[in-house]
């Protein structure tokens, strides 16, 4: 009897924006340095949580399923919790999106929720941020949210924090292992899928 050939795996990381994409790319690179990652990893910037439903579904159906039809597809939904915390009507129904992806052909859907935002995770490495900005080590400033806290630090360095691809240099300077350890429960399932 011949054994059925095991399908190759494709992990598709869907994220709200370019800042998140840069961060999750660093996590994948960290895992590749430690282990063999036996999967193709694709990153898709959905450009905002409000487009998580429609744009994500179109991207999955028209790009991912077409290109990776002979792969076992794992979808990873990465989003900030701040858009859902105090909203009477959240911008996206993550459970509905996960069900849609499974019915469309994803073998598995993993949800990675950054509490409150990805910038709050960055602040777990305040030393790395201060080093990047050429500031003396200091505690995390008081501000309403992670984005504003980072903005305060940038202002102290006479710079301006801008989300998106402009955050790549900061993210490259962060201690990703330290951050991953600090937010481990949120990332466990994603990291397990990479190993």
Foldseek 3Di string as FASTA:
>chain_A
DDDDDAFQEEEEEEEQAQQVQLLVVVVLVVLVVVDPFRHHYHYDHLNHPLSCAPSVLCCCQVPVCVVRVRHQYEYEYEYACQQPDPDPDRSDDVVVSQVSSVVSHHPYYHYQYHVHGVLVLQLLQQVLLCVLLVHDRDHQDDDDDSQVSSQVSQVVSVHGDDDHPVCNVSSVSGPSVSSCVVRVVSCVVVSVNRD
